[in-house]
C-alpha cells in the first residue's frame, strides 16, 4: 500500500520518509497501531526512516491488522500471556521484560494480551534496512548480515531514545 507521508528533504536521496507514528492497515484504512495514545511518541521529532512509541496499557485485543513497515516490539514491564493469530493459526506465548519480536513489513496478525504491559514499538521503513545493509556490507566485517542489521537498528533506536526528552530512565 502506497503511503502519502512526506519525505524528509535532507534525506530524500536516501528515500527515507518521515513516519508520523507506528501505523497499520485495518479494513483498508491506515490507523495507529493501538487505539490509545502513546505515553511518548517520536512523531513530533520527525525522524527519517522510523517511528518510536511508548505505551503502558492494560490487557487488550489488537484487532487484525497489516504492518505497513518492518516492526520491532519490546516489552519493558509486565509478565503476561498473549496470543498471536496469524495465517489461520493461534500461537500462545508468555511475555516478560526484554521479550522482543521483529516482524517484516506486510505481516498480518491479531494479538490478545492477557495482562498489562509497558512496551515500546518501532516502525522501521524498508529503506532504512537497505541503507543499514549497505553500510554493513561496506565495512566487510559481517558474518551474519541479518543479525548485524538488527543490531544497527536497535543501536540507532536506543541512541535516539537516550537523548529523547522525558524518556523514562531506569532507576538503577
Foldseek 3Di string as FASTA:
>chain_A
DDDPAAADVVCVVLVFRQDQAFWWADPRDIDHQDPDAFPDKCNVVRDTFKIKGKHWDWWDKRDKTFGQAKKKKFWQADWWWKWKQFPNDIDIDTDGGGDMDIGGGGGIIMMTTPTITIMMMMGGHVSLLVVQLVVVVVVVPDDDSVVSSVVVVVVVVVVVLVPDPPRDDDPD
